[in-house]
Amino acid sequence: MKILKLLGVLLDYPRDTLWQHADELIDACQDESLPKHRQQQLAEFARSLFAFDPLDAQERWLGLFDRGRSMSLLLFEHIHGESRDRGQAMVDLVETYRKHGLELAEKELPDYLPLVLEYLAYRPTEEVADWLKHIQHILELLAARALERESPYALLFEILTELAQGHVDLSLMRRRVAGEVRDDTAEAMDKVWEEEAVRFGVEAPAEDCAAPTRLPSGVQRVEPKVMP
């Protein structure tokens, strides 16, 4: 699904070189897999993005996705947190990418949503549907939080949610996030730094925070090797 590649590009950190392809990306928003109103909304999002100076667009992106953890584009941040299961999940996902010919750059994290969308853009429809359904709750959560912060990026998460389940209803999720304490304020960020400064190891997961037992189709568990 080419639309997943486009959504991943628009969700990614807006590097300066993106502006060189502005017209091409705006045209790509007229994707027939989307309803007409979504095509129009997506094109308007792209036009408004490219109306920014790159430095301003980058500052806006960092302010939304790089302050606190609640809007993180790292999927396992929302699934596993800091539990030990996160490391194994990363290994599983890297192996899945390699199996299908995708090699990551040295500093790329496999659970980064734009990267996941790039991978899915070239996978069979059934596999894409399974993956999107598997992360649907995260997409809804990010959409609701972005709406709460009045961010235009909410549109991208709404479209992904619709692709996952055919419609979007964020009323329940919006009620949930309305009572959340923001983690992107200066006070919240200072508190996180204070806590991390005294953490010496990965905390064990709580007994009631087990990782999901079912993986998206195509992802296979890589069992750790036992030393003789």
Protein backbone atom coordinates (compact mmCIF):
# COMPACT_ATOMS: atom_id res chain seq x y z
CA MET A 1 0.00 0.00 0.00
CA LYS A 2 1.74 3.15 -1.26
CA ILE A 3 -0.29 5.30 1.12
CA LEU A 4 1.57 3.76 4.08
CA LYS A 5 4.89 4.87 2.59
CA LEU A 6 3.52 8.40 2.18
CA LEU A 7 2.13 8.53 5.72
CA GLY A 8 5.46 7.30 7.05
CA VAL A 9 7.33 10.03 5.17
CA LEU A 10 4.98 12.73 6.48
CA LEU A 11 5.23 11.40 10.04
CA ASP A 12 8.99 11.23 9.99
CA TYR A 13 11.28 14.02 11.19
CA PRO A 14 11.04 16.67 8.45
CA ARG A 15 14.59 16.86 7.15
CA ASP A 16 15.56 19.76 4.91
CA THR A 17 15.67 17.52 1.83
CA LEU A 18 11.95 16.79 2.17
CA TRP A 19 11.15 20.23 0.73
CA GLN A 20 12.83 19.22 -2.53
CA HIS A 21 9.99 16.72 -3.06
CA ALA A 22 7.10 18.91 -1.86
CA ASP A 23 5.12 18.91 -5.12
CA GLU A 24 5.57 15.17 -5.58
CA LEU A 25 4.36 14.43 -2.05
CA ILE A 26 1.36 16.74 -2.31
CA ASP A 27 0.34 15.02 -5.55
CA ALA A 28 0.75 11.60 -3.89
CA CYS A 29 -1.91 12.57 -1.34
CA GLN A 30 -4.52 11.97 -4.04
CA ASP A 31 -4.37 8.26 -3.30
CA GLU A 32 -7.42 6.32 -4.44
CA SER A 33 -7.21 4.00 -1.43
CA LEU A 34 -8.44 6.95 0.66
CA PRO A 35 -11.89 8.58 0.62
CA LYS A 36 -11.99 11.89 -1.24
CA HIS A 37 -12.28 13.96 1.93
CA ARG A 38 -9.22 12.28 3.39
CA GLN A 39 -7.27 12.90 0.18
CA GLN A 40 -8.12 16.58 0.46
CA GLN A 41 -7.26 16.74 4.16
CA LEU A 42 -3.96 14.96 3.61
CA ALA A 43 -3.01 17.27 0.76
CA GLU A 44 -3.83 20.26 2.94
CA PHE A 45 -1.65 18.82 5.73
CA ALA A 46 1.23 18.45 3.27
CA ARG A 47 0.78 21.96 1.88
CA SER A 48 0.72 23.45 5.38
CA LEU A 49 3.84 21.46 6.31
CA PHE A 50 5.77 22.77 3.31
CA ALA A 51 4.58 26.31 4.00
CA PHE A 52 6.80 26.19 7.09
CA ASP A 53 10.47 26.99 7.03
CA PRO A 54 12.25 23.65 7.58
CA LEU A 55 13.71 24.78 10.92
CA ASP A 56 10.26 25.77 12.18
CA ALA A 57 8.74 22.49 10.98
CA GLN A 58 11.50 20.56 12.73
CA GLU A 59 10.97 22.48 15.96
CA ARG A 60 7.24 21.74 15.80
CA TRP A 61 7.92 18.02 15.21
CA LEU A 62 10.36 17.83 18.13
CA GLY A 63 7.92 19.63 20.39
CA LEU A 64 5.28 16.99 19.70
CA PHE A 65 7.19 13.73 19.36
CA ASP A 66 10.44 14.23 21.25
CA ARG A 67 9.29 15.63 24.59
CA GLY A 68 8.08 13.01 26.99
CA ARG A 69 7.04 9.49 26.08
CA SER A 70 3.31 9.79 25.56
CA MET A 71 3.67 10.82 21.88
CA SER A 72 6.65 8.60 21.11
CA LEU A 73 6.74 7.10 17.62
CA LEU A 74 8.57 4.07 19.03
CA LEU A 75 5.82 1.46 19.19
CA PHE A 76 7.42 -0.70 21.85
CA GLU A 77 7.56 2.32 24.14
CA HIS A 78 3.77 1.99 24.37
CA ILE A 79 3.67 -1.83 24.44
CA HIS A 80 6.58 -2.83 26.65
CA GLY A 81 7.76 0.38 28.30
CA GLU A 82 11.11 -0.35 29.94
CA SER A 83 10.46 -4.03 30.58
CA ARG A 84 12.93 -6.69 29.50
CA ASP A 85 10.48 -7.89 26.86
CA ARG A 86 11.26 -4.81 24.82
CA GLY A 87 14.77 -5.95 23.91
CA GLN A 88 13.57 -9.34 22.69
CA ALA A 89 10.76 -7.71 20.71
CA MET A 90 13.36 -5.51 18.98
CA VAL A 91 15.42 -8.58 18.05
CA ASP A 92 12.34 -10.32 16.66
CA LEU A 93 11.44 -7.34 14.52
CA VAL A 94 14.97 -6.88 13.14
CA GLU A 95 15.02 -10.54 12.13
CA THR A 96 11.65 -10.13 10.41
CA TYR A 97 12.96 -7.18 8.40
CA ARG A 98 16.07 -9.10 7.39
CA LYS A 99 13.99 -12.09 6.34
CA HIS A 100 12.20 -9.87 3.86
CA GLY A 101 15.28 -8.03 2.63
CA LEU A 102 15.17 -4.86 4.73
CA GLU A 103 18.46 -4.02 6.44
CA LEU A 104 18.44 -1.21 8.98
CA ALA A 105 21.02 1.53 9.25
CA GLU A 106 23.19 1.44 12.34
CA LYS A 107 21.14 3.94 14.37
CA GLU A 108 17.66 2.98 13.12
CA LEU A 109 15.28 1.52 15.68
CA PRO A 110 13.01 -1.21 14.26
CA ASP A 111 9.86 -0.13 16.13
CA TYR A 112 9.96 3.46 14.81
CA LEU A 113 6.50 3.92 13.28
CA PRO A 114 7.60 5.59 9.99
CA LEU A 115 10.01 2.69 9.43
CA VAL A 116 7.29 0.12 10.21
CA LEU A 117 5.02 1.84 7.68
CA GLU A 118 7.77 1.81 5.05
CA TYR A 119 8.16 -1.93 5.57
CA LEU A 120 4.41 -2.59 5.42
CA ALA A 121 4.05 -0.57 2.21
CA TYR A 122 5.62 -3.50 0.34
CA ARG A 123 3.92 -6.37 2.18
CA PRO A 124 0.80 -8.34 1.18
CA THR A 125 -2.59 -6.84 2.04
CA GLU A 126 -3.44 -9.53 4.58
CA GLU A 127 -0.20 -8.98 6.46
CA VAL A 128 -0.68 -5.21 6.44
CA ALA A 129 -4.19 -5.59 7.87
CA ASP A 130 -2.90 -7.84 10.65
CA TRP A 131 -0.11 -5.44 11.61
CA LEU A 132 -2.39 -2.40 11.64
CA LYS A 133 -4.96 -4.24 13.73
CA HIS A 134 -2.20 -5.27 16.13
CA ILE A 135 -1.10 -1.65 16.73
CA GLN A 136 -4.55 -0.11 16.36
CA HIS A 137 -4.81 0.80 20.05
CA ILE A 138 -1.52 2.72 19.83
CA LEU A 139 -2.66 4.59 16.72
CA GLU A 140 -5.91 5.55 18.46
CA LEU A 141 -4.01 6.68 21.55
CA LEU A 142 -1.61 8.83 19.53
CA ALA A 143 -4.51 10.28 17.52
CA ALA A 144 -6.40 11.21 20.70
CA ARG A 145 -3.34 12.76 22.32
CA ALA A 146 -2.48 14.72 19.19
CA LEU A 147 -6.07 16.03 19.04
CA GLU A 148 -5.85 16.99 22.71
CA ARG A 149 -2.75 19.03 21.86
CA GLU A 150 -4.47 20.51 18.79
CA SER A 151 -1.75 19.14 16.51
CA PRO A 152 -2.41 18.72 12.78
CA TYR A 153 -0.46 15.44 12.99
CA ALA A 154 -3.63 13.94 14.50
CA LEU A 155 -4.91 13.55 10.94
CA LEU A 156 -2.18 11.06 10.04
CA PHE A 157 -3.01 8.85 13.02
CA GLU A 158 -6.72 9.08 12.23
CA ILE A 159 -6.09 7.89 8.68
CA LEU A 160 -3.97 5.00 9.93
CA THR A 161 -6.73 4.05 12.37
CA GLU A 162 -9.26 4.05 9.54
CA LEU A 163 -6.97 1.85 7.46
CA ALA A 164 -6.75 -0.51 10.43
CA GLN A 165 -10.48 -0.89 11.11
CA GLY A 166 -12.39 0.89 8.37
CA HIS A 167 -13.61 3.74 10.55
CA VAL A 168 -12.41 5.93 13.39
CA ASP A 169 -14.19 6.69 16.66
CA LEU A 170 -11.91 8.34 19.18
CA SER A 171 -14.59 9.44 21.65
CA LEU A 172 -13.67 6.84 24.29
CA MET A 173 -9.93 7.36 23.86
CA ARG A 174 -10.30 11.14 23.99
CA ARG A 175 -12.14 10.89 27.31
CA ARG A 176 -9.30 8.75 28.58
CA VAL A 177 -6.48 11.08 27.55
CA ALA A 178 -8.34 14.20 28.68
CA GLY A 179 -7.48 13.26 32.26
CA GLU A 180 -3.82 12.50 31.61
CA VAL A 181 -1.06 14.59 33.13
CA ARG A 182 1.02 16.06 30.30
CA ASP A 183 4.59 14.72 30.19
CA ASP A 184 5.95 17.35 27.79
CA THR A 185 6.04 20.29 30.20
CA ALA A 186 9.33 21.64 31.55
CA GLU A 187 8.45 20.36 35.04
CA ALA A 188 7.63 16.87 33.75
CA MET A 189 10.83 16.70 31.70
CA ASP A 190 12.93 17.74 34.70
CA LYS A 191 11.32 14.99 36.78
CA VAL A 192 12.11 12.36 34.13
CA TRP A 193 15.76 13.43 34.03
CA GLU A 194 15.97 13.23 37.82
CA GLU A 195 14.50 9.73 37.86
CA GLU A 196 16.74 8.45 35.05
CA ALA A 197 19.86 9.87 36.69
CA VAL A 198 19.53 7.37 39.55
CA ARG A 199 18.42 4.34 37.53
CA PHE A 200 21.23 1.81 37.19
CA GLY A 201 19.51 -1.00 35.33
CA VAL A 202 16.38 -2.07 33.51
CA GLU A 203 13.55 -2.64 35.91
CA ALA A 204 11.78 -5.97 35.79
CA PRO A 205 8.25 -5.82 34.41
CA ALA A 206 5.37 -5.86 36.83
CA GLU A 207 3.47 -9.13 37.10
CA ASP A 208 0.40 -7.61 35.44
CA CYS A 209 2.32 -6.10 32.49
CA ALA A 210 3.00 -9.15 30.38
CA ALA A 211 3.73 -8.56 26.72
CA PRO A 212 1.13 -9.55 24.11
CA THR A 213 1.30 -13.24 23.33
CA ARG A 214 0.40 -12.86 19.65
CA LEU A 215 2.70 -11.12 17.20
CA PRO A 216 1.67 -9.56 13.90
CA SER A 217 1.82 -11.98 10.99
CA GLY A 218 5.32 -12.35 9.60
CA VAL A 219 7.04 -11.68 12.91
CA GLN A 220 8.63 -14.77 14.39
CA ARG A 221 9.99 -15.13 17.88
CA VAL A 222 13.77 -15.51 18.01
CA GLU A 223 14.65 -17.69 20.96
CA PRO A 224 17.75 -16.61 22.89
CA LYS A 225 20.70 -18.93 22.56
CA VAL A 226 21.62 -20.97 25.60
CA MET A 227 25.31 -20.97 26.36
CA PRO A 228 26.75 -24.46 26.91
